[in-house]
C-alpha atoms as a PDB file:
ATOM      1  CA  MET A   1      24.193 -19.270 -43.212  1.00  0.00           C
ATOM      2  CA  GLU A   2      21.366 -16.921 -43.668  1.00  0.00           C
ATOM      3  CA  LEU A   3      18.919 -16.069 -40.763  1.00  0.00           C
ATOM      4  CA  LEU A   4      15.462 -14.480 -41.041  1.00  0.00           C
ATOM      5  CA  VAL A   5      15.368 -11.702 -38.577  1.00  0.00           C
ATOM      6  CA  ALA A   6      12.773  -9.817 -37.158  1.00  0.00           C
ATOM      7  CA  PHE A   7      13.177  -6.211 -35.314  1.00  0.00           C
ATOM      8  CA  SER A   8      10.054  -4.724 -33.058  1.00  0.00           C
ATOM      9  CA  THR A   9       9.671  -1.229 -34.152  1.00  0.00           C
ATOM     10  CA  ASP A  10       6.964   1.521 -34.630  1.00  0.00           C
ATOM     11  CA  ASP A  11       8.624   3.593 -37.107  1.00  0.00           C
ATOM     12  CA  GLY A  12      10.845   1.006 -39.353  1.00  0.00           C
ATOM     13  CA  GLU A  13      13.888   2.782 -37.853  1.00  0.00           C
ATOM     14  CA  ASN A  14      14.168   2.479 -33.871  1.00  0.00           C
ATOM     15  CA  LEU A  15      13.780  -0.503 -31.759  1.00  0.00           C
ATOM     16  CA  ILE A  16      10.843  -0.095 -29.218  1.00  0.00           C
ATOM     17  CA  ASN A  17      11.254   0.968 -25.518  1.00  0.00           C
ATOM     18  CA  LYS A  18       8.708  -1.755 -24.440  1.00  0.00           C
ATOM     19  CA  HIS A  19       8.395  -5.490 -24.798  1.00  0.00           C
ATOM     20  CA  ALA A  20       9.169  -6.747 -28.222  1.00  0.00           C
ATOM     21  CA  GLY A  21       5.585  -8.351 -28.850  1.00  0.00           C
ATOM     22  CA  GLU A  22       4.362  -4.706 -28.054  1.00  0.00           C
ATOM     23  CA  ALA A  23       5.843  -3.532 -31.565  1.00  0.00           C
ATOM     24  CA  LYS A  24       3.061  -2.175 -34.185  1.00  0.00           C
ATOM     25  CA  TYR A  25       5.530  -4.060 -36.812  1.00  0.00           C
ATOM     26  CA  PHE A  26       8.506  -6.502 -37.149  1.00  0.00           C
ATOM     27  CA  ASP A  27      10.428  -5.500 -39.798  1.00  0.00           C
ATOM     28  CA  ILE A  28      11.793  -9.139 -41.275  1.00  0.00           C
ATOM     29  CA  TYR A  29      15.598  -9.038 -43.005  1.00  0.00           C
ATOM     30  CA  LYS A  30      17.642 -11.961 -44.206  1.00  0.00           C
ATOM     31  CA  LEU A  31      20.798 -11.424 -42.274  1.00  0.00           C
ATOM     32  CA  SER A  32      24.143 -13.021 -42.729  1.00  0.00           C
ATOM     33  CA  HIS A  33      27.407 -12.133 -41.398  1.00  0.00           C
ATOM     34  CA  GLU A  34      28.343 -10.499 -44.964  1.00  0.00           C
ATOM     35  CA  LYS A  35      24.883  -8.735 -45.823  1.00  0.00           C
ATOM     36  CA  ALA A  36      21.615  -7.536 -44.389  1.00  0.00           C
ATOM     37  CA  GLU A  37      18.572  -7.088 -46.825  1.00  0.00           C
ATOM     38  CA  PHE A  38      15.210  -6.147 -46.047  1.00  0.00           C
ATOM     39  CA  VAL A  39      12.284  -8.744 -46.759  1.00  0.00           C
ATOM     40  CA  GLU A  40       9.220  -7.628 -45.610  1.00  0.00           C
ATOM     41  CA  ARG A  41       7.218  -5.306 -43.222  1.00  0.00           C
ATOM     42  CA  SER A  42       4.819  -7.587 -40.666  1.00  0.00           C
ATOM     43  CA  ASP A  43       1.927  -5.922 -39.099  1.00  0.00           C
ATOM     44  CA  ASN A  44       1.676  -6.668 -35.729  1.00  0.00           C
ATOM     45  CA  SER A  45      -2.074  -5.617 -35.107  1.00  0.00           C
ATOM     46  CA  LYS A  46      -3.211  -9.025 -33.762  1.00  0.00           C
ATOM     47  CA  TYR A  47      -1.117  -7.949 -30.956  1.00  0.00           C
ATOM     48  CA  LYS A  48      -3.693  -5.005 -30.591  1.00  0.00           C
ATOM     49  CA  GLY A  49      -6.625  -7.315 -30.277  1.00  0.00           C
ATOM     50  CA  GLU A  50      -4.864  -9.264 -27.074  1.00  0.00           C
ATOM     51  CA  GLU A  51      -4.017  -6.104 -25.507  1.00  0.00           C
ATOM     52  CA  THR A  52      -6.434  -6.838 -22.478  1.00  0.00           C
ATOM     53  CA  LEU A  53      -4.282  -9.519 -21.787  1.00  0.00           C
ATOM     54  CA  LYS A  54      -2.141  -9.328 -19.070  1.00  0.00           C
ATOM     55  CA  HIS A  55       1.746  -9.396 -19.575  1.00  0.00           C
ATOM     56  CA  GLY A  56       2.772 -13.269 -20.047  1.00  0.00           C
ATOM     57  CA  ASP A  57      -0.468 -14.459 -21.349  1.00  0.00           C
ATOM     58  CA  PRO A  58       0.033 -17.447 -23.798  1.00  0.00           C
ATOM     59  CA  LYS A  59      -2.113 -15.852 -26.249  1.00  0.00           C
ATOM     60  CA  LYS A  60       0.024 -12.847 -26.645  1.00  0.00           C
ATOM     61  CA  ALA A  61       2.844 -15.231 -27.296  1.00  0.00           C
ATOM     62  CA  GLN A  62       0.609 -17.060 -30.021  1.00  0.00           C
ATOM     63  CA  ALA A  63      -0.011 -13.618 -31.997  1.00  0.00           C
ATOM     64  CA  THR A  64       3.544 -12.533 -31.436  1.00  0.00           C
ATOM     65  CA  LEU A  65       4.725 -15.327 -32.977  1.00  0.00           C
ATOM     66  CA  LYS A  66       2.102 -15.273 -35.898  1.00  0.00           C
ATOM     67  CA  ALA A  67       3.283 -11.703 -36.685  1.00  0.00           C
ATOM     68  CA  LEU A  68       6.833 -12.809 -36.726  1.00  0.00           C
ATOM     69  CA  LYS A  69       6.004 -15.312 -39.622  1.00  0.00           C
ATOM     70  CA  ASP A  70       9.182 -17.527 -40.557  1.00  0.00           C
ATOM     71  CA  SER A  71      11.747 -15.461 -38.313  1.00  0.00           C
ATOM     72  CA  ASP A  72      14.478 -17.216 -36.633  1.00  0.00           C
ATOM     73  CA  VAL A  73      15.369 -14.519 -34.570  1.00  0.00           C
ATOM     74  CA  VAL A  74      13.396 -11.196 -33.124  1.00  0.00           C
ATOM     75  CA  VAL A  75      15.669  -8.318 -31.872  1.00  0.00           C
ATOM     76  CA  ASN A  76      14.714  -5.765 -29.283  1.00  0.00           C
ATOM     77  CA  LYS A  77      15.822  -4.013 -26.240  1.00  0.00           C
ATOM     78  CA  MET A  78      13.695  -5.648 -23.914  1.00  0.00           C
ATOM     79  CA  PHE A  79      11.198  -8.857 -23.902  1.00  0.00           C
ATOM     80  CA  GLY A  80       8.317  -9.548 -21.645  1.00  0.00           C
ATOM     81  CA  PRO A  81       7.248 -12.685 -19.430  1.00  0.00           C
ATOM     82  CA  ASN A  82       6.713 -14.662 -22.713  1.00  0.00           C
ATOM     83  CA  LEU A  83      10.584 -14.636 -23.252  1.00  0.00           C
ATOM     84  CA  PRO A  84      10.635 -18.595 -22.408  1.00  0.00           C
ATOM     85  CA  ARG A  85       7.681 -19.334 -24.899  1.00  0.00           C
ATOM     86  CA  LEU A  86       9.449 -17.285 -27.702  1.00  0.00           C
ATOM     87  CA  LEU A  87      12.465 -19.383 -27.316  1.00  0.00           C
ATOM     88  CA  LYS A  88      11.101 -22.633 -28.018  1.00  0.00           C
ATOM     89  CA  LYS A  89      10.183 -21.249 -31.362  1.00  0.00           C
ATOM     90  CA  LEU A  90      12.969 -18.803 -32.228  1.00  0.00           C
ATOM     91  CA  LEU A  91      16.122 -16.806 -30.734  1.00  0.00           C
ATOM     92  CA  CYS A  92      15.451 -13.605 -28.889  1.00  0.00           C
ATOM     93  CA  VAL A  93      18.225 -11.183 -29.305  1.00  0.00           C
ATOM     94  CA  ILE A  94      18.540  -7.995 -26.274  1.00  0.00           C
ATOM     95  CA  VAL A  95      20.445  -5.174 -28.026  1.00  0.00           C
ATOM     96  CA  ARG A  96      21.885  -2.121 -26.207  1.00  0.00           C
ATOM     97  CA  THR A  97      21.185   0.358 -29.086  1.00  0.00           C
ATOM     98  CA  ASN A  98      17.959   2.185 -30.611  1.00  0.00           C
ATOM     99  CA  LYS A  99      18.452   1.893 -34.183  1.00  0.00           C
ATOM    100  CA  ILE A 100      17.442  -0.993 -36.273  1.00  0.00           C
ATOM    101  CA  SER A 101      20.771  -0.096 -38.655  1.00  0.00           C
ATOM    102  CA  ASP A 102      22.991  -0.369 -35.376  1.00  0.00           C
ATOM    103  CA  SER A 103      21.408  -3.708 -34.316  1.00  0.00           C
ATOM    104  CA  ILE A 104      22.027  -5.116 -37.690  1.00  0.00           C
ATOM    105  CA  GLU A 105      26.022  -4.562 -37.123  1.00  0.00           C
ATOM    106  CA  ILE A 106      25.824  -5.877 -33.435  1.00  0.00           C
ATOM    107  CA  LEU A 107      24.447  -8.995 -34.748  1.00  0.00           C
ATOM    108  CA  ARG A 108      27.015  -8.983 -37.680  1.00  0.00           C
ATOM    109  CA  GLN A 109      29.737  -8.614 -35.513  1.00  0.00           C
ATOM    110  CA  ASN A 110      28.329 -11.390 -33.200  1.00  0.00           C
ATOM    111  CA  TRP A 111      27.078 -13.710 -35.971  1.00  0.00           C
ATOM    112  CA  ALA A 112      29.355 -16.885 -34.945  1.00  0.00           C
ATOM    113  CA  ARG A 113      27.520 -16.539 -31.309  1.00  0.00           C
ATOM    114  CA  VAL A 114      23.828 -15.617 -33.079  1.00  0.00           C
ATOM    115  CA  GLN A 115      24.030 -18.947 -35.080  1.00  0.00           C
ATOM    116  CA  GLU A 116      25.652 -20.955 -32.056  1.00  0.00           C
ATOM    117  CA  GLU A 117      22.714 -20.180 -29.735  1.00  0.00           C
ATOM    118  CA  TYR A 118      20.004 -20.465 -32.967  1.00  0.00           C
ATOM    119  CA  GLN A 119      20.870 -23.899 -33.624  1.00  0.00           C
ATOM    120  CA  LYS A 120      20.305 -25.281 -29.996  1.00  0.00           C
ATOM    121  CA  GLY A 121      16.811 -25.368 -30.748  1.00  0.00           C
ATOM    122  CA  GLU A 122      14.410 -25.421 -28.003  1.00  0.00           C
ATOM    123  CA  SER A 123      17.381 -25.488 -25.787  1.00  0.00           C
ATOM    124  CA  ARG A 124      18.425 -22.058 -26.738  1.00  0.00           C
ATOM    125  CA  LYS A 125      19.071 -19.266 -24.490  1.00  0.00           C
ATOM    126  CA  HIS A 126      18.520 -15.490 -25.074  1.00  0.00           C
ATOM    127  CA  LEU A 127      21.557 -13.490 -26.127  1.00  0.00           C
ATOM    128  CA  VAL A 128      22.570  -9.941 -24.966  1.00  0.00           C
ATOM    129  CA  LEU A 129      24.596  -8.052 -27.101  1.00  0.00           C
ATOM    130  CA  LYS A 130      26.356  -4.881 -27.172  1.00  0.00           C
ATOM    131  CA  ALA A 131      28.524  -3.051 -29.452  1.00  0.00           C
END
């Protein structure tokens, strides 16, 4: 099974040290247990138009979801109060690393768990993964 996985980033190499939706970009990969293929960089500038709103505002969640496009999974080091809204649409994964490349390996090592949780649909919970 392949999933589209978005990584919250400002520089294309590292995850951000803020809530996932505050990233400048989402780097989207097609990921499976066997491989990872970069698909595209999605600009999250729509979020910047909503930054006057407080954390947890539904409009921020909507702006983030638009930037995530058709992603199945979003990965970052932390999420904010919109986590429950995001989980209705995709799987949210917290990783304990900085590099996107390390995050990809952590997901691949835990691929069965990722697939299982993703397939639960709106009843899914977020995952916390570490190497």
